[in-house]
Amino acid sequence: MKGIKAAVEGFLDQLPRVKKKVKVWEAVDIWSAKIETSGKSQAEKITGGVLFVVTESPSLGQEIALKKNSFIKTMNAITGEETVKDIKVRIGSITGNGGKGINGKEKRL
């Protein structure tokens, strides 16, 4: 398995724009996999280094806002780059639409 991983990483190193997009997708996926909010929040997209998160709970939104520096460090440590620079939280419905934004559009830079 290390051979495949090394090959993919080597390939991505040759294509910095593609590598950046992969890191963006990885950061959005990390939110649901590594950040403990008991499924009560969802990363919608990341644009210009800002991760947009929605939660149905105002108190959880406040907690995320207070812990955002810790979350940013965790996510950037996992991606190995400064992929996330800020986190913006809004209160709304969690769509459960496979990581697409609230309007159904794909994650973007």
C-alpha atoms as a PDB file:
ATOM      1  CA  MET A   1       0.000   0.000   0.000  1.00  0.00           C
ATOM      2  CA  LYS A   2       2.823   2.454   0.667  1.00  0.00           C
ATOM      3  CA  GLY A   3       3.838   2.115  -2.967  1.00  0.00           C
ATOM      4  CA  ILE A   4       0.448   3.303  -4.200  1.00  0.00           C
ATOM      5  CA  LYS A   5       0.297   6.133  -1.675  1.00  0.00           C
ATOM      6  CA  ALA A   6       3.804   7.284  -2.614  1.00  0.00           C
ATOM      7  CA  ALA A   7       2.924   7.131  -6.309  1.00  0.00           C
ATOM      8  CA  VAL A   8      -0.234   9.198  -5.833  1.00  0.00           C
ATOM      9  CA  GLU A   9       1.595  11.755  -3.680  1.00  0.00           C
ATOM     10  CA  GLY A  10       4.377  11.970  -6.267  1.00  0.00           C
ATOM     11  CA  PHE A  11       1.811  12.487  -9.012  1.00  0.00           C
ATOM     12  CA  LEU A  12       0.045  15.214  -7.017  1.00  0.00           C
ATOM     13  CA  ASP A  13       3.356  16.951  -6.305  1.00  0.00           C
ATOM     14  CA  GLN A  14       3.714  17.440 -10.057  1.00  0.00           C
ATOM     15  CA  LEU A  15       0.246  19.026 -10.267  1.00  0.00           C
ATOM     16  CA  PRO A  16       0.022  21.672  -7.521  1.00  0.00           C
ATOM     17  CA  ARG A  17      -3.459  22.924  -8.501  1.00  0.00           C
ATOM     18  CA  VAL A  18      -4.880  19.415  -8.388  1.00  0.00           C
ATOM     19  CA  LYS A  19      -3.090  18.746  -5.120  1.00  0.00           C
ATOM     20  CA  LYS A  20      -4.630  21.882  -3.600  1.00  0.00           C
ATOM     21  CA  LYS A  21      -8.121  20.767  -4.641  1.00  0.00           C
ATOM     22  CA  VAL A  22      -7.533  17.324  -3.162  1.00  0.00           C
ATOM     23  CA  LYS A  23      -6.441  18.939   0.112  1.00  0.00           C
ATOM     24  CA  VAL A  24      -9.609  21.068   0.102  1.00  0.00           C
ATOM     25  CA  TRP A  25     -11.809  17.995  -0.317  1.00  0.00           C
ATOM     26  CA  GLU A  26      -9.816  16.246   2.380  1.00  0.00           C
ATOM     27  CA  ALA A  27     -10.364  19.144   4.796  1.00  0.00           C
ATOM     28  CA  VAL A  28     -14.133  19.039   4.279  1.00  0.00           C
ATOM     29  CA  ASP A  29     -14.153  15.270   4.811  1.00  0.00           C
ATOM     30  CA  ILE A  30     -12.033  15.621   7.957  1.00  0.00           C
ATOM     31  CA  TRP A  31     -14.762  17.701   9.583  1.00  0.00           C
ATOM     32  CA  SER A  32     -17.227  14.808   9.748  1.00  0.00           C
ATOM     33  CA  ALA A  33     -14.578  12.161  10.391  1.00  0.00           C
ATOM     34  CA  LYS A  34     -12.370  13.816  13.027  1.00  0.00           C
ATOM     35  CA  ILE A  35     -14.218  16.753  14.598  1.00  0.00           C
ATOM     36  CA  GLU A  36     -16.538  15.543  17.342  1.00  0.00           C
ATOM     37  CA  THR A  37     -19.937  17.211  17.074  1.00  0.00           C
ATOM     38  CA  SER A  38     -22.044  14.029  17.248  1.00  0.00           C
ATOM     39  CA  GLY A  39     -23.252  14.486  13.697  1.00  0.00           C
ATOM     40  CA  LYS A  40     -24.886  17.785  14.602  1.00  0.00           C
ATOM     41  CA  SER A  41     -22.833  19.891  12.236  1.00  0.00           C
ATOM     42  CA  GLN A  42     -21.787  19.612   8.619  1.00  0.00           C
ATOM     43  CA  ALA A  43     -18.981  21.133   6.597  1.00  0.00           C
ATOM     44  CA  GLU A  44     -20.559  22.654   3.519  1.00  0.00           C
ATOM     45  CA  LYS A  45     -17.613  23.934   1.508  1.00  0.00           C
ATOM     46  CA  ILE A  46     -14.246  25.595   1.726  1.00  0.00           C
ATOM     47  CA  THR A  47     -13.610  28.766  -0.221  1.00  0.00           C
ATOM     48  CA  GLY A  48     -10.403  30.761  -0.060  1.00  0.00           C
ATOM     49  CA  GLY A  49      -9.256  28.849   3.003  1.00  0.00           C
ATOM     50  CA  VAL A  50     -12.509  29.489   4.883  1.00  0.00           C
ATOM     51  CA  LEU A  51     -14.415  26.370   5.945  1.00  0.00           C
ATOM     52  CA  PHE A  52     -18.162  26.957   6.076  1.00  0.00           C
ATOM     53  CA  VAL A  53     -19.963  24.832   8.665  1.00  0.00           C
ATOM     54  CA  VAL A  54     -23.691  24.598   9.371  1.00  0.00           C
ATOM     55  CA  THR A  55     -25.284  23.415  12.597  1.00  0.00           C
ATOM     56  CA  GLU A  56     -28.875  23.296  13.802  1.00  0.00           C
ATOM     57  CA  SER A  57     -27.886  24.208  17.361  1.00  0.00           C
ATOM     58  CA  PRO A  58     -26.978  27.783  18.322  1.00  0.00           C
ATOM     59  CA  SER A  59     -25.084  26.510  21.365  1.00  0.00           C
ATOM     60  CA  LEU A  60     -23.025  24.139  19.207  1.00  0.00           C
ATOM     61  CA  GLY A  61     -22.375  26.991  16.792  1.00  0.00           C
ATOM     62  CA  GLN A  62     -20.984  29.017  19.686  1.00  0.00           C
ATOM     63  CA  GLU A  63     -18.866  26.069  20.849  1.00  0.00           C
ATOM     64  CA  ILE A  64     -17.434  25.605  17.343  1.00  0.00           C
ATOM     65  CA  ALA A  65     -16.657  29.326  17.147  1.00  0.00           C
ATOM     66  CA  LEU A  66     -14.858  29.204  20.489  1.00  0.00           C
ATOM     67  CA  LYS A  67     -12.830  26.115  19.519  1.00  0.00           C
ATOM     68  CA  LYS A  68     -12.174  27.051  15.909  1.00  0.00           C
ATOM     69  CA  ASN A  69      -8.437  27.663  16.366  1.00  0.00           C
ATOM     70  CA  SER A  70      -8.045  24.157  17.767  1.00  0.00           C
ATOM     71  CA  PHE A  71     -10.134  22.696  14.937  1.00  0.00           C
ATOM     72  CA  ILE A  72      -8.074  24.584  12.336  1.00  0.00           C
ATOM     73  CA  LYS A  73      -4.809  23.262  13.818  1.00  0.00           C
ATOM     74  CA  THR A  74      -6.169  19.701  13.844  1.00  0.00           C
ATOM     75  CA  MET A  75      -7.389  19.851  10.262  1.00  0.00           C
ATOM     76  CA  ASN A  76      -4.189  21.442   8.945  1.00  0.00           C
ATOM     77  CA  ALA A  77      -2.064  18.891  10.816  1.00  0.00           C
ATOM     78  CA  ILE A  78      -3.991  16.077   9.123  1.00  0.00           C
ATOM     79  CA  THR A  79      -3.784  17.593   5.633  1.00  0.00           C
ATOM     80  CA  GLY A  80      -0.146  18.570   6.149  1.00  0.00           C
ATOM     81  CA  GLU A  81      -0.758  22.053   4.778  1.00  0.00           C
ATOM     82  CA  GLU A  82      -2.466  25.291   5.759  1.00  0.00           C
ATOM     83  CA  THR A  83      -5.679  24.309   3.980  1.00  0.00           C
ATOM     84  CA  VAL A  84      -8.061  25.897   6.504  1.00  0.00           C
ATOM     85  CA  LYS A  85      -7.409  29.457   7.654  1.00  0.00           C
ATOM     86  CA  ASP A  86     -10.774  30.242   9.232  1.00  0.00           C
ATOM     87  CA  ILE A  87     -14.108  28.620  10.086  1.00  0.00           C
ATOM     88  CA  LYS A  88     -17.443  30.369   9.616  1.00  0.00           C
ATOM     89  CA  VAL A  89     -20.468  28.868  11.353  1.00  0.00           C
ATOM     90  CA  ARG A  90     -24.095  29.454  10.524  1.00  0.00           C
ATOM     91  CA  ILE A  91     -27.270  28.114  12.059  1.00  0.00           C
ATOM     92  CA  GLY A  92     -29.472  26.181   9.659  1.00  0.00           C
ATOM     93  CA  SER A  93     -30.645  22.766   8.572  1.00  0.00           C
ATOM     94  CA  ILE A  94     -28.149  19.991   8.017  1.00  0.00           C
ATOM     95  CA  THR A  95     -28.823  18.768   4.528  1.00  0.00           C
ATOM     96  CA  GLY A  96     -27.244  15.319   4.602  1.00  0.00           C
ATOM     97  CA  ASN A  97     -26.544  15.730   0.890  1.00  0.00           C
ATOM     98  CA  GLY A  98     -23.167  14.060   0.765  1.00  0.00           C
ATOM     99  CA  GLY A  99     -21.011  17.064   1.545  1.00  0.00           C
ATOM    100  CA  LYS A 100     -22.519  19.388  -1.011  1.00  0.00           C
ATOM    101  CA  GLY A 101     -23.327  22.883   0.078  1.00  0.00           C
ATOM    102  CA  ILE A 102     -26.757  23.959   1.204  1.00  0.00           C
ATOM    103  CA  ASN A 103     -27.641  24.911  -2.366  1.00  0.00           C
ATOM    104  CA  GLY A 104     -26.565  21.507  -3.699  1.00  0.00           C
ATOM    105  CA  LYS A 105     -23.388  22.797  -5.361  1.00  0.00           C
ATOM    106  CA  GLU A 106     -20.147  20.904  -5.075  1.00  0.00           C
ATOM    107  CA  LYS A 107     -17.374  21.996  -2.730  1.00  0.00           C
ATOM    108  CA  ARG A 108     -15.104  24.540  -4.381  1.00  0.00           C
ATOM    109  CA  LEU A 109     -11.961  26.581  -3.835  1.00  0.00           C
END
